[in-house]
Amino acid sequence: MAQGGKLAILLSILVGVFMLTSLDGRPQRSTMVISAVNNTAWKGTMDSLFKDVAAEVSSYADVAKRIIDLAVFGAAQNRSYRRLADFTDTIGNRVSGSLNLEMAIKYMYKAMMQDGLDVHLEPVKVPHWVRGKESAQMILPRVKNLEILGLGSSVGTPLEGIEAEVLIVQSFEELKRRASEVSGKIVVFNQPFVSYGETVAYRAYSASEASKFGAIATLIRSITPFSINSPHTGWQDYQDGVKRIPAACITIEDAELMWRIAQRGQRVTVRLTMGARTFPDADSFNTVAEIKGWQHPEQVVLLSGHLDSWDVGQGAMDDGGGAMISWEALSLIKDLGLRPRRTMRTVLWTGEEAGGVGAQQYFNRHKVNVSNIDMVMESDMGTFRPVALQFTGSVAAQKVMEEVVKLLAPLNTTKLEMHGEGTDISPWMQAGVPGASLHVADSRYFWFHHTEADTMTVQDPQDMDLCSALWAVVAFVVADLEDMLPRGPNSSRLV
């Protein structure tokens, strides 16, 4: 019996233990089944299955070392960094719908073709928002220029701008408590940073929440734990049926300044001008490169990062690095003359910053082949020093991946963490495809995120080599195993 079949049996046993359903439809544990699994015969069967998995994966130790040596010490040392520097220095930032993004796609298509990969473009439609000229100034109680970045999809102000009194709040709850004070004012949100996942709601929804009570614009404290007077941009969402008002981010320093002034009972007035405009969706492409599998070319391990960025900085960290290591992984395999059983496919997404629109269109086009997608991988949290691989999949697939990460011992990165994530791969994971993401030492990531400071200066060539090696080893081994990763309920839902 093939290993995949054995793993499927193992998975069904584990699911039986944890996911038996009672008559009222609620999951419950079964003492009888647990006892059966604890039975010596069953335990022996499972131990044998695990040993088969471990033996097959461990046989790739020499190959993994060759990949790591080439990336970290060999001819490919610093290559992903050089590629990223050449790319970002040549193209610059690459906002959705822009000429720069289309130049970036052409650049990468040509570069990967010259690298000897099988490359093609897949058309998508992406949002086309243009920032225009923008400025903000505190008029009262003293004159001070405010650093701002308008938020993606924001409407602009009238040509003459807006000048109004400011209401400073620290939460949506405070906004609601002070609803009677909002009408005709610019609402400034000075919310504390808790985590990106929690605090980003203020960037996304503040304009509509303030507009409901009559605000004429919103200025939002940038979503970051650290600032050197640096505003951060990002996408924001208008609610249907709510008047659209201008929205921009300001620095932590200016948000706290206005809050302190207001706490003293002084009136704060701001003049805001934004030339933001939204045009019809633009034509663009996802960029696809691959090494065809020799035995099962229709089965795919998909690696990815997104090619678009915001219109500030160079987009080197977010997500030029993720795009480059996803290309570099294929280059390393090609340079070593390796060819996996399954296809290794790199997709450089477009329109991620505008809500993952390019990836969603790719999924819609290819979801008919969901059973042939072995695993999806995304790097979109920077390419700093890698510390772990994050993974979402069945219990049996976890067992395989626990063995795979052992091959990363030369990188000192053998930890498998739960919950692989990524905007662009989430549709596949929701459809049951195992997913992996790169966990790096990202404590500084949100310092530079969506700012003018997202440049090559943030990047470290050695860190990028380590990320490239990890990415290549994991993708190649999974693509070359005798069987695909077993599907099943996500581990996070089992216990």
Protein backbone atom coordinates (compact mmCIF):
# COMPACT_ATOMS: atom_id res chain seq x y z
CA MET A 1 0.00 0.00 0.00
CA ALA A 2 1.33 3.47 -0.91
CA GLN A 3 2.42 5.74 1.89
CA GLY A 4 -0.33 8.23 1.03
CA GLY A 5 -2.88 5.47 1.53
CA LYS A 6 -1.41 4.62 4.90
CA LEU A 7 -1.51 8.24 5.93
CA ALA A 8 -5.11 8.48 4.84
CA ILE A 9 -5.96 5.55 7.11
CA LEU A 10 -4.04 7.16 9.93
CA LEU A 11 -5.89 10.41 9.38
CA SER A 12 -9.25 8.67 9.48
CA ILE A 13 -8.30 7.09 12.81
CA LEU A 14 -7.30 10.42 14.29
CA VAL A 15 -10.41 12.14 12.99
CA GLY A 16 -12.46 9.32 14.46
CA VAL A 17 -10.90 9.97 17.84
CA PHE A 18 -11.44 13.68 17.90
CA MET A 19 -14.42 14.36 15.69
CA LEU A 20 -17.11 11.77 16.39
CA THR A 21 -20.51 13.42 16.22
CA SER A 22 -23.29 12.85 18.73
CA LEU A 23 -26.98 12.65 17.85
CA ASP A 24 -27.45 16.38 18.49
CA GLY A 25 -24.73 17.20 15.95
CA ARG A 26 -22.02 18.36 18.33
CA PRO A 27 -18.46 16.95 18.21
CA GLN A 28 -17.58 14.66 21.11
CA ARG A 29 -14.80 12.30 22.11
CA SER A 30 -15.41 8.59 22.13
CA THR A 31 -13.93 6.52 24.96
CA MET A 32 -14.46 3.39 22.92
CA VAL A 33 -12.51 4.64 19.92
CA ILE A 34 -9.79 6.16 22.09
CA SER A 35 -9.44 2.81 23.80
CA ALA A 36 -9.19 1.13 20.41
CA VAL A 37 -6.44 3.49 19.33
CA ASN A 38 -4.65 2.87 22.60
CA ASN A 39 -4.81 -0.83 21.84
CA THR A 40 -1.32 -2.26 21.28
CA ALA A 41 -2.14 -3.45 17.74
CA TRP A 42 -3.44 -0.05 16.67
CA LYS A 43 -0.49 1.69 18.30
CA GLY A 44 1.90 -0.60 16.50
CA THR A 45 0.22 0.17 13.17
CA MET A 46 0.48 3.90 13.72
CA ASP A 47 4.08 3.68 14.86
CA SER A 48 4.88 1.76 11.68
CA LEU A 49 3.17 4.37 9.54
CA PHE A 50 5.08 7.18 11.21
CA LYS A 51 8.35 5.31 10.73
CA ASP A 52 7.60 4.92 7.00
CA VAL A 53 7.02 8.66 6.71
CA ALA A 54 10.15 9.51 8.67
CA ALA A 55 12.29 7.12 6.63
CA GLU A 56 11.16 8.50 3.28
CA VAL A 57 11.59 12.14 4.30
CA SER A 58 14.95 11.55 5.97
CA SER A 59 16.25 10.09 2.71
CA TYR A 60 16.27 13.67 1.39
CA ALA A 61 18.88 14.83 3.92
CA ASP A 62 21.69 14.92 1.35
CA VAL A 63 19.57 16.76 -1.20
CA ALA A 64 18.47 19.28 1.42
CA LYS A 65 22.09 19.90 2.39
CA ARG A 66 23.04 20.47 -1.26
CA ILE A 67 20.27 23.04 -1.63
CA ILE A 68 21.27 24.80 1.59
CA ASP A 69 24.97 24.79 0.71
CA LEU A 70 24.30 26.30 -2.73
CA ALA A 71 22.02 29.02 -1.34
CA VAL A 72 23.99 29.96 1.75
CA PHE A 73 27.64 29.23 0.92
CA GLY A 74 27.85 28.45 -2.80
CA ALA A 75 27.46 30.19 -6.14
CA ALA A 76 23.93 31.38 -5.29
CA GLN A 77 25.05 33.19 -2.12
CA ASN A 78 23.47 36.69 -1.97
CA ARG A 79 21.70 36.09 -5.29
CA SER A 80 18.16 36.69 -4.06
CA TYR A 81 19.34 39.95 -2.43
CA ARG A 82 21.05 41.09 -5.65
CA ARG A 83 17.98 40.22 -7.68
CA LEU A 84 15.76 42.18 -5.30
CA ALA A 85 18.08 45.19 -5.34
CA ASP A 86 18.26 45.21 -9.14
CA PHE A 87 14.49 44.88 -9.37
CA THR A 88 13.48 47.52 -6.82
CA ASP A 89 16.22 49.98 -7.79
CA THR A 90 15.09 49.71 -11.42
CA ILE A 91 11.31 49.74 -10.96
CA GLY A 92 10.62 51.36 -7.61
CA ASN A 93 7.26 50.97 -5.90
CA ARG A 94 4.42 49.19 -7.70
CA VAL A 95 0.92 50.16 -6.65
CA SER A 96 -2.06 48.32 -8.15
CA GLY A 97 -3.08 49.71 -11.54
CA SER A 98 0.10 51.73 -12.04
CA LEU A 99 2.54 51.83 -14.95
CA ASN A 100 5.28 50.82 -12.49
CA LEU A 101 3.45 47.59 -11.68
CA GLU A 102 3.14 46.71 -15.36
CA MET A 103 6.85 47.46 -15.82
CA ALA A 104 7.58 45.19 -12.85
CA ILE A 105 5.60 42.33 -14.36
CA LYS A 106 7.44 42.67 -17.68
CA TYR A 107 10.77 42.83 -15.82
CA MET A 108 10.07 39.62 -13.87
CA TYR A 109 8.68 37.79 -16.88
CA LYS A 110 11.86 38.52 -18.85
CA ALA A 111 14.18 37.75 -15.92
CA MET A 112 12.61 34.38 -15.14
CA MET A 113 12.55 33.45 -18.83
CA GLN A 114 16.30 34.21 -19.00
CA ASP A 115 16.70 31.99 -15.92
CA GLY A 116 15.46 29.06 -18.01
CA LEU A 117 12.10 28.63 -16.30
CA ASP A 118 8.74 27.91 -17.91
CA VAL A 119 7.01 31.31 -17.55
CA HIS A 120 3.63 32.71 -18.52
CA LEU A 121 1.28 35.53 -17.56
CA GLU A 122 -2.36 35.15 -16.51
CA PRO A 123 -4.62 38.21 -16.95
CA VAL A 124 -6.50 39.77 -14.03
CA LYS A 125 -8.36 43.01 -13.30
CA VAL A 126 -7.06 45.13 -10.42
CA PRO A 127 -8.21 48.32 -8.66
CA HIS A 128 -6.67 51.58 -9.90
CA TRP A 129 -6.44 54.18 -7.15
CA VAL A 130 -4.17 57.23 -7.47
CA ARG A 131 -3.02 59.22 -4.44
CA GLY A 132 -2.60 62.64 -5.99
CA LYS A 133 -1.20 65.60 -4.06
CA GLU A 134 -2.01 65.65 -0.37
CA SER A 135 -1.17 67.73 2.68
CA ALA A 136 -2.39 68.41 6.19
CA GLN A 137 -1.67 71.22 8.60
CA MET A 138 -2.73 71.91 12.15
CA ILE A 139 -3.95 75.55 12.22
CA LEU A 140 -4.95 75.87 15.87
CA PRO A 141 -3.75 76.15 18.58
CA ARG A 142 -0.53 76.62 16.58
CA VAL A 143 0.62 76.04 13.03
CA LYS A 144 2.29 72.68 12.37
CA ASN A 145 2.63 70.60 9.24
CA LEU A 146 1.32 67.03 9.65
CA GLU A 147 2.87 64.10 7.79
CA ILE A 148 0.08 62.10 6.13
CA LEU A 149 -0.49 59.22 3.71
CA GLY A 150 -3.93 58.87 2.19
CA LEU A 151 -5.45 55.40 2.42
CA GLY A 152 -6.15 53.22 -0.60
CA SER A 153 -9.66 53.67 -2.07
CA SER A 154 -10.12 56.97 -0.19
CA VAL A 155 -12.02 59.75 -1.89
CA GLY A 156 -10.34 63.13 -2.15
CA THR A 157 -11.30 66.45 -0.64
CA PRO A 158 -12.71 69.36 -2.64
CA LEU A 159 -9.96 71.20 -4.57
CA GLU A 160 -9.83 73.92 -1.93
CA GLY A 161 -9.45 71.31 0.81
CA ILE A 162 -11.23 70.99 4.15
CA GLU A 163 -10.65 73.09 7.24
CA ALA A 164 -12.48 72.04 10.39
CA GLU A 165 -12.28 71.48 14.10
CA VAL A 166 -10.90 68.13 15.16
CA LEU A 167 -12.42 65.56 17.53
CA ILE A 168 -9.79 63.16 18.90
CA VAL A 169 -10.92 59.73 20.13
CA GLN A 170 -9.04 56.62 21.19
CA SER A 171 -11.49 53.90 20.17
CA PHE A 172 -14.67 53.14 18.26
CA GLU A 173 -16.43 52.96 21.63
CA GLU A 174 -15.37 56.50 22.48
CA LEU A 175 -16.56 57.65 19.05
CA LYS A 176 -20.01 56.25 19.80
CA ARG A 177 -20.10 57.82 23.27
CA ARG A 178 -19.26 61.20 21.77
CA ALA A 179 -21.47 60.83 18.68
CA SER A 180 -23.23 64.13 19.38
CA GLU A 181 -19.89 65.97 19.00
CA VAL A 182 -18.91 64.50 15.62
CA SER A 183 -21.00 66.35 13.03
CA GLY A 184 -18.96 68.67 10.78
CA LYS A 185 -15.64 67.70 12.34
CA ILE A 186 -12.52 65.86 11.25
CA VAL A 187 -12.27 62.82 13.51
CA VAL A 188 -8.74 61.86 14.59
CA PHE A 189 -8.32 58.30 15.88
CA ASN A 190 -5.48 57.99 18.42
CA GLN A 191 -5.99 54.29 19.13
CA PRO A 192 -3.14 52.45 20.91
CA PHE A 193 -1.34 49.69 18.99
CA VAL A 194 -2.24 46.27 20.40
CA SER A 195 -1.32 44.03 17.47
CA TYR A 196 -1.55 44.50 13.75
CA GLY A 197 -4.39 41.99 13.42
CA GLU A 198 -6.50 43.80 16.01
CA THR A 199 -5.54 47.43 15.46
CA VAL A 200 -5.76 47.41 11.64
CA ALA A 201 -9.56 47.60 11.97
CA TYR A 202 -9.13 51.33 12.63
CA ARG A 203 -7.41 51.82 9.30
CA ALA A 204 -10.00 49.74 7.50
CA TYR A 205 -13.25 51.03 8.99
CA SER A 206 -12.71 54.43 10.65
CA ALA A 207 -13.94 56.51 7.70
CA SER A 208 -17.34 54.83 7.54
CA GLU A 209 -17.74 54.64 11.32
CA ALA A 210 -17.05 58.37 11.70
CA SER A 211 -19.16 59.26 8.67
CA LYS A 212 -22.21 57.63 10.25
CA PHE A 213 -22.20 60.43 12.85
CA GLY A 214 -21.54 63.27 10.39
CA ALA A 215 -17.74 63.51 10.25
CA ILE A 216 -16.32 65.16 7.14
CA ALA A 217 -12.92 63.38 7.16
CA THR A 218 -10.82 61.03 9.28
CA LEU A 219 -7.15 61.02 10.24
CA ILE A 220 -6.00 57.72 11.73
CA ARG A 221 -2.94 57.03 13.84
CA SER A 222 -0.68 54.78 11.76
CA ILE A 223 -0.91 51.07 12.50
CA THR A 224 2.56 50.51 13.90
CA PRO A 225 4.22 50.01 17.29
CA PHE A 226 7.11 52.33 16.45
CA SER A 227 7.53 55.58 14.58
CA ILE A 228 10.13 58.14 13.61
CA ASN A 229 7.40 60.56 12.52
CA SER A 230 6.52 58.14 9.73
CA PRO A 231 2.96 57.71 8.40
CA HIS A 232 1.85 54.28 7.12
CA THR A 233 -0.62 53.76 4.30
CA GLY A 234 -2.84 50.76 3.47
CA TRP A 235 -6.23 49.82 2.06
CA GLN A 236 -9.47 50.99 3.67
CA ASP A 237 -13.05 49.85 3.10
CA TYR A 238 -16.17 51.96 2.73
CA GLN A 239 -19.45 50.51 3.96
CA ASP A 240 -22.35 50.41 1.52
CA GLY A 241 -24.93 53.10 2.13
CA VAL A 242 -22.57 55.31 4.17
CA LYS A 243 -21.30 58.63 2.80
CA ARG A 244 -17.68 58.34 1.70
CA ILE A 245 -15.31 60.79 3.36
CA PRO A 246 -11.54 61.30 2.96
CA ALA A 247 -9.30 59.06 5.07
CA ALA A 248 -5.57 59.30 5.71
CA CYS A 249 -3.06 58.05 8.25
CA ILE A 250 -0.95 60.40 10.37
CA THR A 251 2.05 59.65 12.55
CA ILE A 252 1.92 58.38 16.11
CA GLU A 253 3.65 61.57 17.18
CA ASP A 254 1.04 63.88 15.64
CA ALA A 255 -1.90 61.80 16.85
CA GLU A 256 -0.57 61.91 20.41
CA LEU A 257 0.22 65.62 20.12
CA MET A 258 -3.33 66.52 19.15
CA TRP A 259 -4.73 64.22 21.83
CA ARG A 260 -2.62 65.89 24.53
CA ILE A 261 -3.69 69.35 23.38
CA ALA A 262 -7.36 68.31 23.42
CA GLN A 263 -6.97 66.87 26.93
CA ARG A 264 -5.99 70.37 28.09
CA GLY A 265 -9.31 71.65 26.78
CA GLN A 266 -7.84 73.48 23.80
CA ARG A 267 -9.51 73.53 20.40
CA VAL A 268 -7.63 71.83 17.54
CA THR A 269 -8.25 72.80 13.91
CA VAL A 270 -6.78 71.08 10.84
CA ARG A 271 -6.68 71.92 7.14
CA LEU A 272 -6.67 68.80 4.90
CA THR A 273 -6.19 68.54 1.14
CA MET A 274 -6.26 65.20 -0.73
CA GLY A 275 -6.29 64.72 -4.49
CA ALA A 276 -7.09 60.99 -4.36
CA ARG A 277 -9.06 59.49 -7.26
CA THR A 278 -10.31 56.02 -8.21
CA PHE A 279 -10.30 54.99 -11.88
CA PRO A 280 -11.90 51.95 -13.56
CA ASP A 281 -10.21 48.63 -12.81
CA ALA A 282 -7.01 48.13 -14.79
CA ASP A 283 -5.70 45.18 -16.76
CA SER A 284 -2.83 43.37 -15.09
CA PHE A 285 -1.31 39.89 -14.68
CA ASN A 286 -0.26 37.24 -12.21
CA THR A 287 3.24 36.07 -13.16
CA VAL A 288 3.71 32.30 -13.16
CA ALA A 289 6.97 30.33 -13.43
CA GLU A 290 7.44 26.61 -12.90
CA ILE A 291 9.52 23.48 -13.10
CA LYS A 292 7.33 20.71 -14.47
CA GLY A 293 7.12 17.51 -12.46
CA TRP A 294 8.56 14.42 -14.13
CA GLN A 295 5.92 11.97 -12.91
CA HIS A 296 2.83 14.00 -11.95
CA PRO A 297 3.11 17.35 -13.77
CA GLU A 298 -0.58 18.04 -13.10
CA GLN A 299 0.03 17.99 -9.33
CA VAL A 300 1.47 21.22 -7.95
CA VAL A 301 3.32 22.66 -4.99
CA LEU A 302 2.71 26.40 -5.25
CA LEU A 303 5.16 28.98 -3.85
CA SER A 304 4.28 32.65 -3.81
CA GLY A 305 4.78 36.28 -2.88
CA HIS A 306 3.09 39.38 -4.24
CA LEU A 307 4.64 41.69 -6.82
CA ASP A 308 2.55 44.79 -6.21
CA SER A 309 3.36 47.17 -3.36
CA TRP A 310 2.20 50.50 -2.03
CA ASP A 311 3.21 53.71 -3.80
CA VAL A 312 5.80 54.64 -1.17
CA GLY A 313 9.30 53.32 -0.55
CA GLN A 314 10.56 50.51 -2.80
CA GLY A 315 8.32 47.65 -1.73
CA ALA A 316 11.50 45.71 -0.94
CA MET A 317 10.27 44.14 2.30
CA ASP A 318 6.57 44.04 1.40
CA ASP A 319 6.72 41.95 -0.62
CA GLY A 320 9.70 42.09 -2.92
CA GLY A 321 11.61 39.71 -0.68
CA GLY A 322 8.82 37.14 -0.68
CA ALA A 323 8.57 37.31 -4.46
CA MET A 324 12.33 36.91 -4.89
CA ILE A 325 12.76 33.89 -2.62
CA SER A 326 9.85 32.22 -4.41
CA TRP A 327 11.73 32.71 -7.69
CA GLU A 328 15.05 31.79 -6.07
CA ALA A 329 13.64 28.47 -4.83
CA LEU A 330 13.07 27.38 -8.43
CA SER A 331 16.51 28.65 -9.47
CA LEU A 332 18.22 26.60 -6.77
CA ILE A 333 16.44 23.43 -7.84
CA LYS A 334 17.22 24.09 -11.52
CA ASP A 335 20.88 24.89 -10.81
CA LEU A 336 21.32 21.57 -9.00
CA GLY A 337 19.79 19.67 -11.91
CA LEU A 338 16.94 18.42 -9.74
CA ARG A 339 13.45 17.74 -11.00
CA PRO A 340 10.63 16.81 -8.60
CA ARG A 341 7.84 14.31 -9.18
CA ARG A 342 5.30 17.12 -9.09
CA THR A 343 5.39 20.58 -10.54
CA MET A 344 6.92 23.37 -8.48
CA ARG A 345 5.09 26.55 -9.44
CA THR A 346 5.92 30.08 -8.35
CA VAL A 347 3.12 32.65 -8.62
CA LEU A 348 3.90 36.34 -8.16
CA TRP A 349 0.50 37.75 -7.29
CA THR A 350 -0.79 41.14 -8.29
CA GLY A 351 -3.32 43.26 -6.42
CA GLU A 352 -2.58 41.80 -2.98
CA GLU A 353 -2.48 45.19 -1.30
CA ALA A 354 -5.88 45.97 -2.77
CA GLY A 355 -7.40 42.93 -1.05
CA GLY A 356 -5.83 39.90 -2.74
CA VAL A 357 -7.81 40.43 -5.92
CA GLY A 358 -5.27 38.82 -8.26
CA ALA A 359 -4.99 35.71 -6.11
CA GLN A 360 -8.77 35.39 -5.83
CA GLN A 361 -9.11 35.52 -9.61
CA TYR A 362 -6.37 32.88 -9.94
CA PHE A 363 -8.26 30.67 -7.49
CA ASN A 364 -11.53 31.15 -9.36
CA ARG A 365 -9.84 30.15 -12.60
CA HIS A 366 -8.01 27.10 -11.23
CA LYS A 367 -10.21 25.81 -8.39
CA VAL A 368 -11.54 23.06 -10.65
CA ASN A 369 -8.10 21.48 -10.11
CA VAL A 370 -8.10 21.90 -6.33
CA SER A 371 -7.51 18.18 -5.77
CA ASN A 372 -4.20 18.46 -7.66
CA ILE A 373 -2.80 21.28 -5.55
CA ASP A 374 -0.53 19.50 -3.09
CA MET A 375 0.42 22.48 -0.94
CA VAL A 376 0.33 26.28 -1.18
CA MET A 377 3.08 28.47 0.30
CA GLU A 378 3.24 32.23 0.82
CA SER A 379 5.95 34.57 2.11
CA ASP A 380 4.51 38.00 2.99
CA MET A 381 5.89 38.93 6.41
CA GLY A 382 9.37 39.91 5.32
CA THR A 383 12.50 37.89 4.64
CA PHE A 384 14.32 38.44 7.91
CA ARG A 385 16.05 35.52 9.65
CA PRO A 386 13.73 32.47 9.45
CA VAL A 387 12.64 30.95 12.77
CA ALA A 388 9.94 28.41 11.81
CA LEU A 389 7.60 27.10 9.15
CA GLN A 390 3.92 27.73 9.83
CA PHE A 391 1.51 25.08 8.57
CA THR A 392 -2.19 24.42 8.25
CA GLY A 393 -3.31 20.92 7.31
CA SER A 394 -4.58 17.58 8.53
CA VAL A 395 -3.06 15.75 11.47
CA ALA A 396 -1.44 13.26 9.12
CA ALA A 397 -0.06 16.05 6.94
CA GLN A 398 1.37 17.66 10.07
CA LYS A 399 3.23 14.44 10.79
CA VAL A 400 4.81 14.59 7.34
CA MET A 401 5.75 18.25 7.72
CA GLU A 402 7.27 17.64 11.15
CA GLU A 403 9.69 15.31 9.41
CA VAL A 404 10.31 17.73 6.53
CA VAL A 405 11.39 20.58 8.82
CA LYS A 406 13.97 18.29 10.42
CA LEU A 407 15.85 18.59 7.13
CA LEU A 408 16.35 22.27 7.95
CA ALA A 409 18.72 21.50 10.83
CA PRO A 410 21.67 23.15 9.02
CA LEU A 411 19.61 26.37 9.09
CA ASN A 412 18.73 25.97 12.80
CA THR A 413 15.08 26.23 11.77
CA THR A 414 13.40 22.94 12.59
CA LYS A 415 10.27 24.23 14.28
CA LEU A 416 6.82 23.59 12.78
CA GLU A 417 4.16 25.99 14.02
CA MET A 418 0.42 25.84 13.53
CA HIS A 419 -1.60 28.17 11.32
CA GLY A 420 -0.02 28.77 7.96
CA GLU A 421 -1.40 32.05 6.67
CA GLY A 422 -1.44 34.51 3.81
CA THR A 423 -4.00 36.69 2.06
CA ASP A 424 -3.21 35.20 -1.33
CA ILE A 425 -3.26 31.51 -0.37
CA SER A 426 -6.23 31.68 2.00
CA PRO A 427 -8.82 30.67 -0.67
CA TRP A 428 -6.90 27.43 -1.26
CA MET A 429 -6.57 26.67 2.45
CA GLN A 430 -10.27 27.33 2.94
CA ALA A 431 -10.86 24.74 0.22
CA GLY A 432 -8.84 22.19 2.22
CA VAL A 433 -5.42 22.50 0.59
CA PRO A 434 -2.50 22.31 3.05
CA GLY A 435 -0.84 25.70 3.42
CA ALA A 436 2.52 26.94 4.68
CA SER A 437 3.95 30.36 5.46
CA LEU A 438 7.34 31.63 6.47
CA HIS A 439 7.79 32.77 10.08
CA VAL A 440 10.73 35.13 10.34
CA ALA A 441 12.20 37.31 13.09
CA ASP A 442 9.69 39.98 12.18
CA SER A 443 9.69 42.22 15.26
CA ARG A 444 10.67 45.19 13.05
CA TYR A 445 8.32 44.38 10.19
CA PHE A 446 5.58 46.83 11.14
CA TRP A 447 8.12 49.60 11.70
CA PHE A 448 8.61 49.82 7.93
CA HIS A 449 5.31 48.37 6.69
CA HIS A 450 3.59 50.53 4.03
CA THR A 451 5.97 53.47 4.52
CA GLU A 452 8.65 55.37 2.64
CA ALA A 453 11.15 53.35 4.72
CA ASP A 454 10.34 50.03 2.99
CA THR A 455 13.59 50.04 1.01
CA MET A 456 16.56 47.77 0.34
CA THR A 457 18.19 49.12 3.50
CA VAL A 458 15.77 46.94 5.49
CA GLN A 459 16.99 43.78 3.73
CA ASP A 460 19.91 41.56 4.78
CA PRO A 461 21.52 39.31 2.13
CA GLN A 462 22.35 36.48 4.53
CA ASP A 463 18.82 36.41 5.92
CA MET A 464 17.47 36.22 2.38
CA ASP A 465 19.80 33.29 1.62
CA LEU A 466 18.46 31.43 4.65
CA CYS A 467 14.85 32.12 3.64
CA SER A 468 15.54 31.01 0.06
CA ALA A 469 17.12 27.76 1.24
CA LEU A 470 14.24 26.96 3.58
CA TRP A 471 11.68 27.76 0.90
CA ALA A 472 13.44 25.58 -1.69
CA VAL A 473 13.98 22.57 0.59
CA VAL A 474 10.39 22.47 1.84
CA ALA A 475 8.86 22.95 -1.61
CA PHE A 476 11.11 20.42 -3.35
CA VAL A 477 10.77 17.65 -0.77
CA VAL A 478 6.97 17.94 -0.61
CA ALA A 479 6.81 18.01 -4.42
CA ASP A 480 9.03 14.93 -4.70
CA LEU A 481 7.52 12.65 -2.05
CA GLU A 482 5.90 9.47 -3.32
CA ASP A 483 2.43 10.72 -2.35
CA MET A 484 0.68 14.05 -1.94
CA LEU A 485 0.06 15.40 1.53
CA PRO A 486 -3.09 13.81 2.98
CA ARG A 487 -6.14 16.04 3.16
CA GLY A 488 -8.56 16.29 6.03
CA PRO A 489 -9.93 18.61 8.71
CA ASN A 490 -7.51 21.32 9.82
CA SER A 491 -5.51 20.38 12.88
CA SER A 492 -6.57 23.55 14.67
CA ARG A 493 -10.13 22.25 14.64
CA LEU A 494 -9.29 18.81 15.96
CA VAL A 495 -8.19 19.49 19.51
